[in-house]
Protein backbone atom coordinates (compact mmCIF):
# COMPACT_ATOMS: atom_id res chain seq x y z
CA SER A 1 53.87 52.93 -47.33
CA SER A 2 56.00 50.37 -45.87
CA GLY A 3 52.96 47.64 -45.35
CA ILE A 4 51.98 48.16 -49.18
CA ASN A 5 52.22 45.06 -51.26
CA ALA A 6 55.39 45.16 -53.51
CA GLU A 7 53.57 43.80 -56.54
CA TYR A 8 50.97 46.68 -56.53
CA GLY A 9 53.81 49.22 -55.96
CA ARG A 10 55.93 47.94 -58.51
CA SER A 11 53.05 48.21 -60.92
CA LEU A 12 52.06 52.15 -59.63
CA LEU A 13 55.53 52.89 -60.29
CA ARG A 14 55.37 51.46 -64.20
CA LEU A 15 52.38 53.36 -64.31
CA ARG A 16 53.68 56.68 -63.37
CA SER A 17 56.77 56.70 -65.05
CA THR A 18 54.64 56.12 -68.37
CA SER A 19 55.10 58.86 -70.45
CA LEU A 20 51.98 60.63 -71.80
CA THR A 21 49.94 59.99 -68.65
CA ARG A 22 48.62 62.67 -68.08
CA SER A 23 47.76 63.72 -71.77
CA LEU A 24 45.55 60.48 -71.85
CA ALA A 25 43.79 61.54 -68.81
CA THR A 26 40.11 62.09 -69.36
CA PHE A 27 38.59 61.87 -65.77
CA LYS A 28 37.01 64.97 -65.39
CA GLN A 29 37.45 65.20 -61.58
CA ASP A 30 40.98 66.08 -62.46
CA ARG A 31 42.22 68.91 -60.56
CA LYS A 32 44.80 70.80 -59.09
CA ARG A 33 46.34 69.43 -55.78
CA PHE A 34 45.09 71.26 -52.99
CA TYR A 35 46.80 69.26 -50.34
CA LYS A 36 50.66 68.97 -48.88
CA ASP A 37 50.82 66.26 -46.06
CA LEU A 38 48.93 62.80 -45.76
CA SER A 39 48.39 60.37 -42.66
CA VAL A 40 46.43 57.10 -42.12
CA ALA A 41 44.47 57.15 -38.61
CA PRO A 42 42.37 54.21 -37.17
CA ALA A 43 38.27 54.95 -37.55
CA GLY A 44 35.80 52.76 -35.95
CA ASP A 45 36.15 49.67 -37.82
CA GLY A 46 38.92 50.57 -39.78
CA PHE A 47 41.10 53.29 -41.51
CA GLN A 48 40.63 57.07 -42.83
CA VAL A 49 43.49 58.51 -45.14
CA GLN A 50 43.59 62.21 -44.21
CA LEU A 51 44.72 64.87 -46.64
CA ASP A 52 46.08 67.85 -44.13
CA HIS A 53 43.70 66.99 -41.38
CA TYR A 54 40.67 66.58 -43.79
CA ASN A 55 39.26 63.40 -44.00
CA LEU A 56 39.15 61.86 -47.39
CA VAL A 57 35.56 61.12 -49.03
CA THR A 58 34.32 59.61 -51.97
CA SER A 59 33.18 61.14 -54.83
CA PHE A 60 29.37 61.19 -53.69
CA LYS A 61 31.01 62.61 -50.31
CA ASN A 62 30.56 59.57 -48.40
CA LYS A 63 32.92 59.06 -45.22
CA LEU A 64 36.10 56.58 -46.61
CA ILE A 65 36.66 54.06 -44.13
CA ILE A 66 39.18 51.60 -45.59
CA PRO A 67 38.56 48.40 -43.74
CA THR A 68 42.42 47.33 -43.30
CA GLU A 69 45.60 49.51 -42.58
CA ARG A 70 47.49 48.18 -45.78
CA LEU A 71 44.73 48.97 -47.95
CA ALA A 72 44.60 52.70 -46.15
CA ASN A 73 48.47 52.76 -46.82
CA ALA A 74 47.87 52.09 -50.83
CA VAL A 75 45.19 54.65 -51.19
CA ALA A 76 47.26 57.51 -49.18
CA LEU A 77 50.63 56.33 -51.61
CA GLU A 78 48.59 57.07 -54.73
CA TRP A 79 47.36 60.60 -53.16
CA ASP A 80 50.90 61.14 -52.51
CA SER A 81 52.16 60.13 -56.00
CA GLN A 82 50.15 62.75 -57.61
CA LYS A 83 51.77 65.94 -58.52
CA GLU A 84 50.62 69.13 -59.50
CA ASN A 85 47.14 67.56 -61.03
CA ILE A 86 45.03 64.86 -59.36
CA ILE A 87 44.61 62.34 -61.99
CA PHE A 88 41.84 59.60 -61.04
CA GLU A 89 43.07 57.43 -63.43
CA THR A 90 46.63 56.82 -61.62
CA MET A 91 44.60 56.19 -58.17
CA PRO A 92 42.89 52.30 -58.92
CA VAL A 93 43.13 51.25 -55.67
CA THR A 94 40.99 54.56 -54.45
CA THR A 95 38.71 54.13 -56.98
CA LEU A 96 37.67 50.51 -55.76
CA CYS A 97 37.40 51.83 -52.42
CA PHE A 98 35.12 54.44 -53.49
CA LYS A 99 33.08 52.11 -55.40
CA ALA A 100 32.73 49.79 -52.55
CA THR A 101 32.00 52.56 -50.02
CA ASP A 102 29.42 54.26 -52.66
CA ARG A 103 27.94 50.98 -53.30
CA PRO A 104 28.14 49.20 -49.68
CA ILE A 105 25.23 46.36 -51.21
CA PRO A 106 26.09 44.56 -54.46
CA ASP A 107 23.34 44.42 -56.59
CA LYS A 108 22.65 41.49 -58.97
CA GLU A 109 23.39 43.77 -61.97
CA GLN A 110 27.14 43.50 -60.81
CA VAL A 111 26.88 39.80 -60.82
CA GLU A 112 25.27 39.47 -63.98
CA HIS A 113 28.00 41.97 -66.13
CA MET A 114 30.93 39.83 -64.85
CA LEU A 115 28.97 36.77 -66.24
CA GLU A 116 28.55 38.42 -69.43
CA PHE A 117 32.11 38.28 -69.81
CA LEU A 118 32.12 33.93 -70.22
CA THR A 119 30.18 34.55 -73.62
CA THR A 120 33.20 36.37 -74.99
CA ASP A 121 36.01 35.11 -72.71
CA THR A 122 39.16 35.59 -74.03
CA VAL A 123 40.81 32.06 -73.01
CA CYS A 124 37.53 30.52 -74.74
CA TYR A 125 38.05 31.38 -78.27
CA ARG A 126 41.05 30.19 -79.77
CA ALA A 127 43.04 30.99 -82.91
CA PRO A 128 42.09 27.87 -85.97
CA PRO A 129 45.11 25.94 -86.12
CA GLU A 130 44.21 26.00 -90.23
CA GLU A 131 45.25 29.60 -89.64
CA SER A 132 47.79 29.63 -87.15
CA GLU A 133 49.30 26.70 -86.23
CA GLN A 134 51.94 28.66 -83.93
CA LEU A 135 49.33 30.93 -82.56
CA TYR A 136 46.68 27.90 -81.68
CA ALA A 137 49.70 25.94 -80.18
CA LEU A 138 50.80 28.75 -77.93
CA GLU A 139 47.38 29.29 -76.53
CA LYS A 140 46.83 25.56 -75.77
CA SER A 141 50.10 25.87 -73.56
CA ARG A 142 49.02 29.09 -71.87
CA TRP A 143 45.53 28.96 -71.73
CA ASP A 144 44.59 25.35 -71.18
CA PRO A 145 46.23 25.27 -67.71
CA ILE A 146 43.67 27.79 -66.84
CA THR A 147 40.47 26.40 -68.42
CA ASP A 148 41.38 23.48 -66.73
CA TRP A 149 41.65 24.62 -63.21
CA PHE A 150 38.50 26.55 -63.82
CA SER A 151 36.26 23.75 -65.16
CA THR A 152 37.81 21.56 -62.06
CA ASN A 153 37.39 23.73 -59.60
CA PHE A 154 33.59 24.68 -60.69
CA HIS A 155 32.80 21.32 -61.56
CA VAL A 156 31.79 22.54 -65.02
CA HIS A 157 32.81 21.68 -68.93
CA LEU A 158 33.84 25.39 -69.97
CA ALA A 159 33.06 25.41 -74.03
CA LEU A 160 36.15 26.68 -75.99
CA THR A 161 35.68 27.41 -79.57
CA THR A 162 37.51 28.69 -82.79
CA ASP A 163 34.78 30.05 -84.09
CA ILE A 164 34.38 33.68 -84.63
CA THR A 165 30.76 33.12 -83.46
CA LEU A 166 29.47 33.41 -80.06
CA THR A 167 29.80 30.16 -78.01
CA PRO A 168 27.26 30.39 -74.78
CA GLN A 169 28.42 28.47 -71.73
CA SER A 170 26.07 25.99 -70.67
CA GLN A 171 23.45 27.08 -67.64
CA GLN A 172 25.12 24.78 -64.99
CA THR A 173 28.40 26.80 -65.60
CA ILE A 174 26.64 30.26 -65.67
CA ASP A 175 24.65 28.95 -62.19
CA ARG A 176 27.63 27.49 -60.61
CA VAL A 177 29.61 30.66 -61.20
CA ARG A 178 27.16 33.00 -60.17
CA LYS A 179 26.65 31.07 -57.11
CA HIS A 180 30.55 32.11 -56.11
CA LEU A 181 30.30 35.70 -57.61
CA ALA A 182 27.25 36.35 -55.17
CA SER A 183 28.95 34.60 -52.27
CA LEU A 184 31.86 37.79 -52.59
CA HIS A 185 32.48 40.36 -49.74
CA PRO A 186 30.82 43.42 -51.00
CA TRP A 187 34.21 44.62 -50.85
CA GLU A 188 35.42 42.08 -53.60
CA VAL A 189 32.88 42.88 -55.93
CA PRO A 190 34.09 45.83 -57.60
CA ALA A 191 37.46 44.68 -57.66
CA TYR A 192 36.53 41.47 -59.14
CA GLN A 193 34.40 43.39 -61.98
CA HIS A 194 37.12 45.79 -62.72
CA ALA A 195 39.76 42.85 -62.93
CA THR A 196 37.35 40.83 -65.23
CA ALA A 197 36.55 43.95 -67.28
CA SER A 198 40.28 44.78 -67.28
CA LEU A 199 41.65 41.32 -68.61
CA GLN A 200 38.65 40.71 -70.42
CA SER A 201 38.24 37.75 -68.86
CA LEU A 202 36.23 36.37 -66.12
CA VAL A 203 38.23 33.04 -66.16
CA ILE A 204 41.47 34.83 -65.89
CA THR A 205 40.14 36.94 -63.05
CA THR A 206 38.84 33.94 -61.06
CA ALA A 207 42.09 31.88 -61.61
CA LEU A 208 43.95 35.20 -60.26
CA MET A 209 41.33 35.32 -57.42
CA ASP A 210 40.64 31.73 -56.51
CA GLY A 211 43.55 29.58 -57.98
CA GLY A 212 47.19 31.02 -57.56
CA LEU A 213 47.85 33.12 -60.95
CA ASP A 214 49.89 36.02 -59.85
CA THR A 215 49.30 39.61 -61.48
CA GLU A 216 51.82 39.11 -64.24
CA GLU A 217 50.81 35.91 -65.41
CA ALA A 218 46.96 37.09 -65.28
CA ILE A 219 48.05 39.78 -67.41
CA ALA A 220 50.41 37.86 -70.06
CA ALA A 221 47.23 35.76 -70.79
CA SER A 222 45.04 38.10 -71.23
CA MET A 223 47.59 40.15 -73.85
CA LEU A 224 48.49 36.56 -75.35
CA GLU A 225 46.90 37.05 -79.00
CA THR A 226 48.52 41.10 -78.62
CA ASP A 227 52.14 40.09 -77.67
CA TYR A 228 51.80 37.35 -80.37
CA GLN A 229 51.22 40.12 -82.96
CA ILE A 230 53.48 42.54 -81.86
CA ASP A 231 56.06 39.90 -81.98
CA ARG A 232 55.20 39.52 -85.72
CA TRP A 233 54.40 42.86 -86.55
CA GLY A 234 56.14 45.21 -84.20
CA GLU A 235 54.34 47.71 -82.16
CA VAL A 236 53.43 51.26 -81.64
CA GLU A 237 55.96 51.08 -78.88
CA TRP A 238 54.46 54.17 -76.67
CA GLN A 239 50.95 53.05 -76.70
CA HIS A 240 51.77 49.44 -75.69
CA THR A 241 54.00 50.53 -73.09
CA ILE A 242 51.19 52.71 -71.42
CA ASP A 243 48.42 50.12 -72.05
CA ARG A 244 50.31 47.23 -70.13
CA ALA A 245 51.70 49.80 -67.38
CA ARG A 246 47.93 50.69 -67.11
CA LEU A 247 46.90 47.50 -67.05
CA SER A 248 49.18 45.78 -64.80
CA ALA A 249 48.31 48.81 -62.16
CA ASP A 250 44.49 48.17 -62.18
CA VAL A 251 45.17 44.25 -61.67
CA ALA A 252 47.53 44.44 -58.94
CA ALA A 253 45.36 47.15 -57.33
CA ALA A 254 42.22 44.71 -57.50
CA SER A 255 44.34 41.76 -56.72
CA LEU A 256 45.30 43.70 -53.55
CA VAL A 257 41.88 44.24 -52.55
CA VAL A 258 40.65 40.95 -52.89
CA ARG A 259 43.28 39.97 -50.73
CA GLU A 260 43.27 42.10 -47.92
CA ILE A 261 39.62 41.69 -47.70
CA ARG A 262 40.02 37.83 -47.13
CA ASN A 263 42.74 38.23 -45.08
CA MET A 264 41.11 40.50 -42.81
CA GLU A 265 37.91 37.51 -43.00
CA GLN A 266 40.34 35.12 -42.12
CA ASP A 267 41.88 36.92 -38.99
CA LYS A 268 38.15 37.67 -37.84
CA LYS A 269 37.17 34.27 -37.63
CA ALA A 270 40.35 32.94 -36.22
CA ALA A 271 39.54 35.39 -33.74
CA PHE A 272 36.16 34.47 -32.64
CA ASN A 273 37.10 30.46 -32.89
CA THR A 274 39.92 31.30 -30.36
CA ALA A 275 37.74 33.74 -28.12
């Protein structure tokens, strides 16, 4: 596990240390741990994870060939972290690798699903200053750098509102973001989609994957209003801790997959150019 991204490793540890994780698991695939040893081995153009010398396959019984060794090590770490029961919701990297393998050619539906978040994106809906001047100022200071980067990166005007009614983005904005999403590597698509759904924001996800925002900053931006309300009114401590730990692991896993695929593609281009 030495090759595992440190940020993801910390997120996984936080998720595993969170109480009630098992009782909140709802995945029907949960089963008893049936293996003792794990290993990672080269296979074709990638790597396989072996459980007691049996190659790991996806939920649809497809052979799992993972593009990079670091990703394979991350998958192996998740399976090694399972105790008496295999709990799939504690294995976000495995889940993303399964999805990428079972759906090797992304379809338009996945891209359109992500684009739907632009209509309800967290950072585009601000608290009315007349109702909460403090929250409005906080959102402006934390979210404006993200929305400004997004607008500059895509050369668009991102519509912001303090109204509770849906505020659609311009067709130009949608078309330019669609073009970007359609250009993603097939293994990036499920990771991008998962991060978008987890953060409830395509804007934050894009800043995370393409704009230099790190995982903790992305989570803080996504949970800004929740954290503000907790600071004011208190929290149900165990539930908030579980939710944040799970979100941290999910987003860090998605970010890890995207970084690994992009590093792999850059290495291929460099090798081609020097050949």
